[in-house]
Amino acid sequence: MSARAEAYAQDGVVCARGLLDAGWVTRLRAAVDRAMAAPSNDAMEFNAEGEAGRFFGDMFMHRRDADFRAAFFDSPCAALAGEAMDAAEVRLLYDQIFAKMPGTPRRTPWHQDGPYWPLSGDRLCTVYVALDPIDATSGAVAYARGSHRAEAFRPAPFRAGADAAARYAQSALPELAAPDPESLIAFDLAPGDAVVFHANLVHGAGGNKSNRPRRTLALRFAGEDVRWRTGVSTFRRLRKANLADGAPLSARDDLFPVLWRR
């Protein structure tokens, strides 16, 4: 096991400096800007009506945009995920934009990613790529080290009053409390830096108080132990894969292709 994999196993999160070069950053910034200018049916505006700034999200861009697809198939992100998770293979799960524009006070709530997904398994992670300089002022994500080894908690709505909030409230999982401040770690990121973190790691972020955008790309990856989990009603787009309970993702190679093997 590499030092990076050991740190990931211990803390649930590691930072990879300079993962993507300037060419990749320029290419993906342009792709994010295109998505923000022409949102898809999967896009989300997380701000409440009339709230300052803009907190934008979109996902599954790789299914319609060659540059986002290249981020999965041609960049070093899948290899980073495989190393961190100490996996035998890594499959594509989906991609997601999180863009907070200057002067956006909206927080990213404390949450885990795993409870939103119809999946089970330990080798589930995100490679979170910074496309702009990120620090506490612009809304750096804070991670609760070691929280990936604790229980799963109820999904949190990113926007109060959204349709999802009512669905999440029906979850039988316990509600997540704010993590111990002593456990938190955040990274100041340069464009092209990446953070890889476990799907069950508790994390959240403040608003963007700076005068610069905070554009990020989250690439979601699954290892060989991941199985389908029915009865999860929080992530409709993934549920369209219509797999049987306990099925491996290899049952839908068309949706979840292998990107990297050891």
C-alpha atoms as a PDB file:
ATOM      1  CA  MET A   1       0.000   0.000   0.000  1.00  0.00           C
ATOM      2  CA  SER A   2       1.366   3.423  -0.944  1.00  0.00           C
ATOM      3  CA  ALA A   3       1.796   6.283   1.535  1.00  0.00           C
ATOM      4  CA  ARG A   4      -1.116   8.029  -0.144  1.00  0.00           C
ATOM      5  CA  ALA A   5      -3.344   4.974   0.293  1.00  0.00           C
ATOM      6  CA  GLU A   6      -2.333   4.694   3.951  1.00  0.00           C
ATOM      7  CA  ALA A   7      -3.195   8.352   4.571  1.00  0.00           C
ATOM      8  CA  TYR A   8      -6.511   7.924   2.760  1.00  0.00           C
ATOM      9  CA  ALA A   9      -7.355   4.822   4.813  1.00  0.00           C
ATOM     10  CA  GLN A  10      -6.571   6.694   8.029  1.00  0.00           C
ATOM     11  CA  ASP A  11      -8.141  10.105   7.347  1.00  0.00           C
ATOM     12  CA  GLY A  12     -10.516   9.420   4.449  1.00  0.00           C
ATOM     13  CA  VAL A  13      -8.993  12.299   2.477  1.00  0.00           C
ATOM     14  CA  VAL A  14      -5.698  13.225   0.791  1.00  0.00           C
ATOM     15  CA  CYS A  15      -4.588  16.135  -1.378  1.00  0.00           C
ATOM     16  CA  ALA A  16      -2.754  15.665  -4.698  1.00  0.00           C
ATOM     17  CA  ARG A  17      -0.929  18.847  -5.689  1.00  0.00           C
ATOM     18  CA  GLY A  18      -0.617  19.686  -9.382  1.00  0.00           C
ATOM     19  CA  LEU A  19      -2.601  16.686 -10.567  1.00  0.00           C
ATOM     20  CA  LEU A  20      -3.793  18.498 -13.709  1.00  0.00           C
ATOM     21  CA  ASP A  21      -1.594  20.806 -15.752  1.00  0.00           C
ATOM     22  CA  ALA A  22      -2.504  24.264 -17.080  1.00  0.00           C
ATOM     23  CA  GLY A  23      -3.854  22.815 -20.330  1.00  0.00           C
ATOM     24  CA  TRP A  24      -6.332  20.643 -18.474  1.00  0.00           C
ATOM     25  CA  VAL A  25      -7.371  23.519 -16.227  1.00  0.00           C
ATOM     26  CA  THR A  26      -8.038  25.817 -19.186  1.00  0.00           C
ATOM     27  CA  ARG A  27      -9.992  23.095 -20.978  1.00  0.00           C
ATOM     28  CA  LEU A  28     -12.164  22.237 -17.977  1.00  0.00           C
ATOM     29  CA  ARG A  29     -12.800  25.866 -17.008  1.00  0.00           C
ATOM     30  CA  ALA A  30     -14.208  26.419 -20.506  1.00  0.00           C
ATOM     31  CA  ALA A  31     -16.327  23.272 -20.174  1.00  0.00           C
ATOM     32  CA  VAL A  32     -17.730  24.418 -16.820  1.00  0.00           C
ATOM     33  CA  ASP A  33     -18.498  27.854 -18.235  1.00  0.00           C
ATOM     34  CA  ARG A  34     -20.375  26.235 -21.142  1.00  0.00           C
ATOM     35  CA  ALA A  35     -22.427  24.161 -18.726  1.00  0.00           C
ATOM     36  CA  MET A  36     -23.259  27.202 -16.614  1.00  0.00           C
ATOM     37  CA  ALA A  37     -24.351  29.161 -19.685  1.00  0.00           C
ATOM     38  CA  ALA A  38     -26.569  26.333 -20.938  1.00  0.00           C
ATOM     39  CA  PRO A  39     -27.715  24.244 -17.936  1.00  0.00           C
ATOM     40  CA  SER A  40     -28.987  20.726 -18.558  1.00  0.00           C
ATOM     41  CA  ASN A  41     -32.090  19.105 -17.092  1.00  0.00           C
ATOM     42  CA  ASP A  42     -29.829  17.809 -14.317  1.00  0.00           C
ATOM     43  CA  ALA A  43     -28.624  21.290 -13.332  1.00  0.00           C
ATOM     44  CA  MET A  44     -29.349  22.785  -9.925  1.00  0.00           C
ATOM     45  CA  GLU A  45     -29.353  26.339  -8.646  1.00  0.00           C
ATOM     46  CA  PHE A  46     -28.695  25.929  -4.938  1.00  0.00           C
ATOM     47  CA  ASN A  47     -29.373  29.540  -3.946  1.00  0.00           C
ATOM     48  CA  ALA A  48     -32.787  30.468  -2.651  1.00  0.00           C
ATOM     49  CA  GLU A  49     -34.737  32.941  -4.778  1.00  0.00           C
ATOM     50  CA  GLY A  50     -33.317  36.429  -4.356  1.00  0.00           C
ATOM     51  CA  GLU A  51     -30.202  35.230  -2.525  1.00  0.00           C
ATOM     52  CA  ALA A  52     -26.925  36.945  -3.441  1.00  0.00           C
ATOM     53  CA  GLY A  53     -24.487  35.377  -5.850  1.00  0.00           C
ATOM     54  CA  ARG A  54     -24.862  32.056  -7.621  1.00  0.00           C
ATOM     55  CA  PHE A  55     -24.241  28.503  -6.393  1.00  0.00           C
ATOM     56  CA  PHE A  56     -24.575  26.260  -9.442  1.00  0.00           C
ATOM     57  CA  GLY A  57     -24.427  22.510  -9.900  1.00  0.00           C
ATOM     58  CA  ASP A  58     -24.780  20.156 -12.831  1.00  0.00           C
ATOM     59  CA  MET A  59     -23.969  16.497 -13.359  1.00  0.00           C
ATOM     60  CA  PHE A  60     -23.577  13.688 -15.875  1.00  0.00           C
ATOM     61  CA  MET A  61     -21.825  16.128 -18.200  1.00  0.00           C
ATOM     62  CA  HIS A  62     -19.614  13.333 -19.565  1.00  0.00           C
ATOM     63  CA  ARG A  63     -22.661  11.942 -21.366  1.00  0.00           C
ATOM     64  CA  ARG A  64     -22.993  15.063 -23.509  1.00  0.00           C
ATOM     65  CA  ASP A  65     -19.631  16.909 -23.486  1.00  0.00           C
ATOM     66  CA  ALA A  66     -16.357  15.485 -24.812  1.00  0.00           C
ATOM     67  CA  ASP A  67     -14.173  17.530 -22.458  1.00  0.00           C
ATOM     68  CA  PHE A  68     -15.856  16.197 -19.332  1.00  0.00           C
ATOM     69  CA  ARG A  69     -15.652  12.680 -20.775  1.00  0.00           C
ATOM     70  CA  ALA A  70     -11.946  13.203 -21.360  1.00  0.00           C
ATOM     71  CA  ALA A  71     -11.513  14.134 -17.702  1.00  0.00           C
ATOM     72  CA  PHE A  72     -12.595  10.579 -16.879  1.00  0.00           C
ATOM     73  CA  PHE A  73     -10.849   8.669 -19.675  1.00  0.00           C
ATOM     74  CA  ASP A  74      -7.696  10.690 -20.415  1.00  0.00           C
ATOM     75  CA  SER A  75      -6.699  12.521 -17.217  1.00  0.00           C
ATOM     76  CA  PRO A  76      -4.794  11.039 -14.222  1.00  0.00           C
ATOM     77  CA  CYS A  77      -7.880  11.328 -11.978  1.00  0.00           C
ATOM     78  CA  ALA A  78      -8.951   7.669 -12.243  1.00  0.00           C
ATOM     79  CA  ALA A  79      -5.417   6.483 -11.439  1.00  0.00           C
ATOM     80  CA  LEU A  80      -5.367   8.756  -8.389  1.00  0.00           C
ATOM     81  CA  ALA A  81      -8.663   7.255  -7.214  1.00  0.00           C
ATOM     82  CA  GLY A  82      -7.337   3.744  -7.716  1.00  0.00           C
ATOM     83  CA  GLU A  83      -4.152   4.429  -5.779  1.00  0.00           C
ATOM     84  CA  ALA A  84      -5.933   6.147  -2.893  1.00  0.00           C
ATOM     85  CA  MET A  85      -8.555   3.413  -2.541  1.00  0.00           C
ATOM     86  CA  ASP A  86      -5.940   0.647  -3.028  1.00  0.00           C
ATOM     87  CA  ALA A  87      -8.334  -0.724  -5.636  1.00  0.00           C
ATOM     88  CA  ALA A  88      -7.888  -3.428  -8.265  1.00  0.00           C
ATOM     89  CA  GLU A  89      -9.988  -1.454 -10.736  1.00  0.00           C
ATOM     90  CA  VAL A  90     -11.857   1.838 -10.926  1.00  0.00           C
ATOM     91  CA  ARG A  91     -15.129   2.472 -12.720  1.00  0.00           C
ATOM     92  CA  LEU A  92     -16.771   5.707 -13.808  1.00  0.00           C
ATOM     93  CA  LEU A  93     -19.720   6.632 -11.638  1.00  0.00           C
ATOM     94  CA  TYR A  94     -20.682  10.189 -12.586  1.00  0.00           C
ATOM     95  CA  ASP A  95     -19.382  13.750 -12.636  1.00  0.00           C
ATOM     96  CA  GLN A  96     -20.654  16.929 -10.992  1.00  0.00           C
ATOM     97  CA  ILE A  97     -19.938  20.669 -11.099  1.00  0.00           C
ATOM     98  CA  PHE A  98     -19.967  22.818  -7.969  1.00  0.00           C
ATOM     99  CA  ALA A  99     -19.473  26.493  -8.832  1.00  0.00           C
ATOM    100  CA  LYS A 100     -19.817  29.299  -6.283  1.00  0.00           C
ATOM    101  CA  MET A 101     -19.589  32.713  -7.816  1.00  0.00           C
ATOM    102  CA  PRO A 102     -18.120  35.756  -5.978  1.00  0.00           C
ATOM    103  CA  GLY A 103     -20.311  37.087  -3.193  1.00  0.00           C
ATOM    104  CA  THR A 104     -22.288  33.864  -2.655  1.00  0.00           C
ATOM    105  CA  PRO A 105     -23.002  33.331   1.062  1.00  0.00           C
ATOM    106  CA  ARG A 106     -24.775  29.977   0.606  1.00  0.00           C
ATOM    107  CA  ARG A 107     -23.039  27.205   2.566  1.00  0.00           C
ATOM    108  CA  THR A 108     -22.519  23.664   1.410  1.00  0.00           C
ATOM    109  CA  PRO A 109     -24.133  21.734   4.301  1.00  0.00           C
ATOM    110  CA  TRP A 110     -22.323  19.087   6.309  1.00  0.00           C
ATOM    111  CA  HIS A 111     -23.003  15.778   4.596  1.00  0.00           C
ATOM    112  CA  GLN A 112     -21.688  12.446   3.369  1.00  0.00           C
ATOM    113  CA  ASP A 113     -21.973  11.526  -0.309  1.00  0.00           C
ATOM    114  CA  GLY A 114     -22.628   7.806   0.136  1.00  0.00           C
ATOM    115  CA  PRO A 115     -26.130   7.999   1.640  1.00  0.00           C
ATOM    116  CA  TYR A 116     -27.397   9.803  -1.482  1.00  0.00           C
ATOM    117  CA  TRP A 117     -26.301   6.934  -3.748  1.00  0.00           C
ATOM    118  CA  PRO A 118     -27.951   3.547  -4.450  1.00  0.00           C
ATOM    119  CA  LEU A 119     -24.616   1.845  -3.817  1.00  0.00           C
ATOM    120  CA  SER A 120     -22.787  -0.081  -1.112  1.00  0.00           C
ATOM    121  CA  GLY A 121     -19.099  -0.807  -0.698  1.00  0.00           C
ATOM    122  CA  ASP A 122     -15.984   0.754   0.770  1.00  0.00           C
ATOM    123  CA  ARG A 123     -14.248   1.732  -2.472  1.00  0.00           C
ATOM    124  CA  LEU A 124     -16.319   4.759  -3.375  1.00  0.00           C
ATOM    125  CA  CYS A 125     -14.598   8.121  -3.691  1.00  0.00           C
ATOM    126  CA  THR A 126     -14.573  11.552  -5.271  1.00  0.00           C
ATOM    127  CA  VAL A 127     -11.659  13.297  -6.947  1.00  0.00           C
ATOM    128  CA  TYR A 128     -12.456  16.974  -6.419  1.00  0.00           C
ATOM    129  CA  VAL A 129     -10.501  19.175  -8.832  1.00  0.00           C
ATOM    130  CA  ALA A 130      -9.927  22.889  -8.241  1.00  0.00           C
ATOM    131  CA  LEU A 131     -10.212  25.023 -11.375  1.00  0.00           C
ATOM    132  CA  ASP A 132      -9.678  28.324  -9.504  1.00  0.00           C
ATOM    133  CA  PRO A 133      -7.570  29.244  -6.467  1.00  0.00           C
ATOM    134  CA  ILE A 134      -9.494  28.122  -3.381  1.00  0.00           C
ATOM    135  CA  ASP A 135      -9.063  29.092   0.257  1.00  0.00           C
ATOM    136  CA  ALA A 136     -11.270  29.708   3.271  1.00  0.00           C
ATOM    137  CA  THR A 137     -12.419  33.052   1.871  1.00  0.00           C
ATOM    138  CA  SER A 138     -13.720  31.536  -1.351  1.00  0.00           C
ATOM    139  CA  GLY A 139     -15.342  28.502   0.290  1.00  0.00           C
ATOM    140  CA  ALA A 140     -12.750  25.773   0.761  1.00  0.00           C
ATOM    141  CA  VAL A 141     -14.280  22.422   1.686  1.00  0.00           C
ATOM    142  CA  ALA A 142     -13.556  21.197   5.217  1.00  0.00           C
ATOM    143  CA  TYR A 143     -13.329  17.443   5.862  1.00  0.00           C
ATOM    144  CA  ALA A 144     -13.835  15.630   9.174  1.00  0.00           C
ATOM    145  CA  ARG A 145     -10.856  13.284   9.296  1.00  0.00           C
ATOM    146  CA  GLY A 146     -11.703   9.689  10.118  1.00  0.00           C
ATOM    147  CA  SER A 147     -15.467  10.197   9.835  1.00  0.00           C
ATOM    148  CA  HIS A 148     -15.650   7.723   6.932  1.00  0.00           C
ATOM    149  CA  ARG A 149     -15.287   4.940   9.499  1.00  0.00           C
ATOM    150  CA  ALA A 150     -18.390   6.053  11.433  1.00  0.00           C
ATOM    151  CA  GLU A 151     -22.061   5.404  10.700  1.00  0.00           C
ATOM    152  CA  ALA A 152     -24.037   6.705   7.741  1.00  0.00           C
ATOM    153  CA  PHE A 153     -26.255   9.733   8.239  1.00  0.00           C
ATOM    154  CA  ARG A 154     -29.354  11.150   6.607  1.00  0.00           C
ATOM    155  CA  PRO A 155     -28.733  13.068   3.366  1.00  0.00           C
ATOM    156  CA  ALA A 156     -28.823  16.838   3.775  1.00  0.00           C
ATOM    157  CA  PRO A 157     -30.618  19.156   1.329  1.00  0.00           C
ATOM    158  CA  PHE A 158     -28.354  21.740  -0.278  1.00  0.00           C
ATOM    159  CA  ARG A 159     -31.277  24.160  -0.508  1.00  0.00           C
ATOM    160  CA  ALA A 160     -33.971  24.594   2.129  1.00  0.00           C
ATOM    161  CA  GLY A 161     -37.465  23.996   0.815  1.00  0.00           C
ATOM    162  CA  ALA A 162     -36.309  22.060  -2.243  1.00  0.00           C
ATOM    163  CA  ASP A 163     -38.258  18.969  -3.319  1.00  0.00           C
ATOM    164  CA  ALA A 164     -35.353  16.791  -2.195  1.00  0.00           C
ATOM    165  CA  ALA A 165     -35.626  18.060   1.382  1.00  0.00           C
ATOM    166  CA  ALA A 166     -38.937  16.247   1.892  1.00  0.00           C
ATOM    167  CA  ARG A 167     -37.518  12.979   0.515  1.00  0.00           C
ATOM    168  CA  TYR A 168     -34.411  13.192   2.674  1.00  0.00           C
ATOM    169  CA  ALA A 169     -36.525  13.807   5.781  1.00  0.00           C
ATOM    170  CA  GLN A 170     -38.124  10.378   5.253  1.00  0.00           C
ATOM    171  CA  SER A 171     -34.778   8.609   5.640  1.00  0.00           C
ATOM    172  CA  ALA A 172     -34.469   6.223   8.563  1.00  0.00           C
ATOM    173  CA  LEU A 173     -30.842   7.270   9.051  1.00  0.00           C
ATOM    174  CA  PRO A 174     -29.958   9.551  11.984  1.00  0.00           C
ATOM    175  CA  GLU A 175     -29.516  13.267  11.395  1.00  0.00           C
ATOM    176  CA  LEU A 176     -25.948  14.480  11.065  1.00  0.00           C
ATOM    177  CA  ALA A 177     -24.662  16.949  13.645  1.00  0.00           C
ATOM    178  CA  ALA A 178     -21.846  19.396  12.942  1.00  0.00           C
ATOM    179  CA  PRO A 179     -18.482  17.606  13.260  1.00  0.00           C
ATOM    180  CA  ASP A 180     -15.931  18.221  15.981  1.00  0.00           C
ATOM    181  CA  PRO A 181     -13.885  21.275  14.890  1.00  0.00           C
ATOM    182  CA  GLU A 182     -10.727  19.513  16.057  1.00  0.00           C
ATOM    183  CA  SER A 183     -11.272  16.846  13.388  1.00  0.00           C
ATOM    184  CA  LEU A 184     -11.518  19.263  10.465  1.00  0.00           C
ATOM    185  CA  ILE A 185      -8.953  19.741   7.744  1.00  0.00           C
ATOM    186  CA  ALA A 186      -9.210  22.052   4.723  1.00  0.00           C
ATOM    187  CA  PHE A 187      -6.787  22.621   1.860  1.00  0.00           C
ATOM    188  CA  ASP A 188      -5.819  25.831   0.100  1.00  0.00           C
ATOM    189  CA  LEU A 189      -5.861  24.708  -3.527  1.00  0.00           C
ATOM    190  CA  ALA A 190      -4.237  26.026  -6.676  1.00  0.00           C
ATOM    191  CA  PRO A 191      -5.855  25.360 -10.057  1.00  0.00           C
ATOM    192  CA  GLY A 192      -5.100  21.761 -10.989  1.00  0.00           C
ATOM    193  CA  ASP A 193      -4.787  20.551  -7.388  1.00  0.00           C
ATOM    194  CA  ALA A 194      -7.160  17.768  -6.384  1.00  0.00           C
ATOM    195  CA  VAL A 195      -8.569  16.271  -3.208  1.00  0.00           C
ATOM    196  CA  VAL A 196      -9.624  12.626  -3.146  1.00  0.00           C
ATOM    197  CA  PHE A 197     -12.024  11.674  -0.373  1.00  0.00           C
ATOM    198  CA  HIS A 198     -14.133   8.724   0.745  1.00  0.00           C
ATOM    199  CA  ALA A 199     -17.859   8.707  -0.022  1.00  0.00           C
ATOM    200  CA  ASN A 200     -18.742   8.446   3.679  1.00  0.00           C
ATOM    201  CA  LEU A 201     -16.443  11.240   4.839  1.00  0.00           C
ATOM    202  CA  VAL A 202     -18.336  14.132   6.444  1.00  0.00           C
ATOM    203  CA  HIS A 203     -17.581  17.406   4.671  1.00  0.00           C
ATOM    204  CA  GLY A 204     -19.031  20.876   4.058  1.00  0.00           C
ATOM    205  CA  ALA A 205     -18.009  24.362   2.963  1.00  0.00           C
ATOM    206  CA  GLY A 206     -18.669  28.015   3.609  1.00  0.00           C
ATOM    207  CA  GLY A 207     -19.809  30.619   1.128  1.00  0.00           C
ATOM    208  CA  ASN A 208     -17.623  32.451  -1.366  1.00  0.00           C
ATOM    209  CA  LYS A 209     -16.788  35.821   0.179  1.00  0.00           C
ATOM    210  CA  SER A 210     -14.027  36.534  -2.332  1.00  0.00           C
ATOM    211  CA  ASN A 211     -14.047  38.448  -5.617  1.00  0.00           C
ATOM    212  CA  ARG A 212     -13.144  35.379  -7.693  1.00  0.00           C
ATOM    213  CA  PRO A 213     -15.166  32.333  -8.793  1.00  0.00           C
ATOM    214  CA  ARG A 214     -14.813  28.957  -7.121  1.00  0.00           C
ATOM    215  CA  ARG A 215     -15.289  26.471  -9.949  1.00  0.00           C
ATOM    216  CA  THR A 216     -14.714  22.812  -9.134  1.00  0.00           C
ATOM    217  CA  LEU A 217     -15.269  19.468 -10.826  1.00  0.00           C
ATOM    218  CA  ALA A 218     -16.131  16.393  -8.759  1.00  0.00           C
ATOM    219  CA  LEU A 219     -15.421  13.068 -10.467  1.00  0.00           C
ATOM    220  CA  ARG A 220     -17.038  10.103  -8.726  1.00  0.00           C
ATOM    221  CA  PHE A 221     -15.386   6.667  -8.883  1.00  0.00           C
ATOM    222  CA  ALA A 222     -16.266   3.134  -7.769  1.00  0.00           C
ATOM    223  CA  GLY A 223     -13.949   0.206  -7.012  1.00  0.00           C
ATOM    224  CA  GLU A 224     -14.449  -3.507  -7.447  1.00  0.00           C
ATOM    225  CA  ASP A 225     -16.330  -4.097  -4.172  1.00  0.00           C
ATOM    226  CA  VAL A 226     -19.196  -1.724  -4.985  1.00  0.00           C
ATOM    227  CA  ARG A 227     -22.662  -3.217  -5.357  1.00  0.00           C
ATOM    228  CA  TRP A 228     -26.095  -1.867  -6.245  1.00  0.00           C
ATOM    229  CA  ARG A 229     -28.397  -1.003  -3.353  1.00  0.00           C
ATOM    230  CA  THR A 230     -32.140  -0.818  -3.976  1.00  0.00           C
ATOM    231  CA  GLY A 231     -34.568   1.151  -1.845  1.00  0.00           C
ATOM    232  CA  VAL A 232     -32.595   4.411  -2.010  1.00  0.00           C
ATOM    233  CA  SER A 233     -34.862   7.166  -3.282  1.00  0.00           C
ATOM    234  CA  THR A 234     -32.518  10.135  -3.169  1.00  0.00           C
ATOM    235  CA  PHE A 235     -30.632   9.889  -6.472  1.00  0.00           C
ATOM    236  CA  ARG A 236     -33.040   9.415  -9.325  1.00  0.00           C
ATOM    237  CA  ARG A 237     -30.605   9.656 -12.234  1.00  0.00           C
ATOM    238  CA  LEU A 238     -28.386   6.828 -10.937  1.00  0.00           C
ATOM    239  CA  ARG A 239     -31.449   4.700 -10.144  1.00  0.00           C
ATOM    240  CA  LYS A 240     -32.275   4.614 -13.859  1.00  0.00           C
ATOM    241  CA  ALA A 241     -29.563   1.965 -14.220  1.00  0.00           C
ATOM    242  CA  ASN A 242     -32.243  -0.459 -12.884  1.00  0.00           C
ATOM    243  CA  LEU A 243     -29.851  -3.019 -11.444  1.00  0.00           C
ATOM    244  CA  ALA A 244     -30.882  -5.805  -9.066  1.00  0.00           C
ATOM    245  CA  ASP A 245     -30.026  -5.478  -5.398  1.00  0.00           C
ATOM    246  CA  GLY A 246     -26.427  -6.589  -4.832  1.00  0.00           C
ATOM    247  CA  ALA A 247     -25.516  -6.510  -8.516  1.00  0.00           C
ATOM    248  CA  PRO A 248     -21.975  -5.426  -9.452  1.00  0.00           C
ATOM    249  CA  LEU A 249     -21.566  -2.347 -11.619  1.00  0.00           C
ATOM    250  CA  SER A 250     -20.083  -4.594 -14.310  1.00  0.00           C
ATOM    251  CA  ALA A 251     -23.703  -5.514 -15.095  1.00  0.00           C
ATOM    252  CA  ARG A 252     -23.936  -2.069 -16.752  1.00  0.00           C
ATOM    253  CA  ASP A 253     -20.557  -1.603 -18.401  1.00  0.00           C
ATOM    254  CA  ASP A 254     -22.199   0.876 -20.750  1.00  0.00           C
ATOM    255  CA  LEU A 255     -22.940   3.262 -17.871  1.00  0.00           C
ATOM    256  CA  PHE A 256     -20.073   2.382 -15.523  1.00  0.00           C
ATOM    257  CA  PRO A 257     -17.056   1.475 -17.676  1.00  0.00           C
ATOM    258  CA  VAL A 258     -13.670   0.524 -16.248  1.00  0.00           C
ATOM    259  CA  LEU A 259     -11.282   3.480 -16.410  1.00  0.00           C
ATOM    260  CA  TRP A 260      -8.228   2.055 -14.654  1.00  0.00           C
ATOM    261  CA  ARG A 261      -6.865  -1.319 -13.565  1.00  0.00           C
ATOM    262  CA  ARG A 262      -3.927  -2.097 -11.336  1.00  0.00           C
END
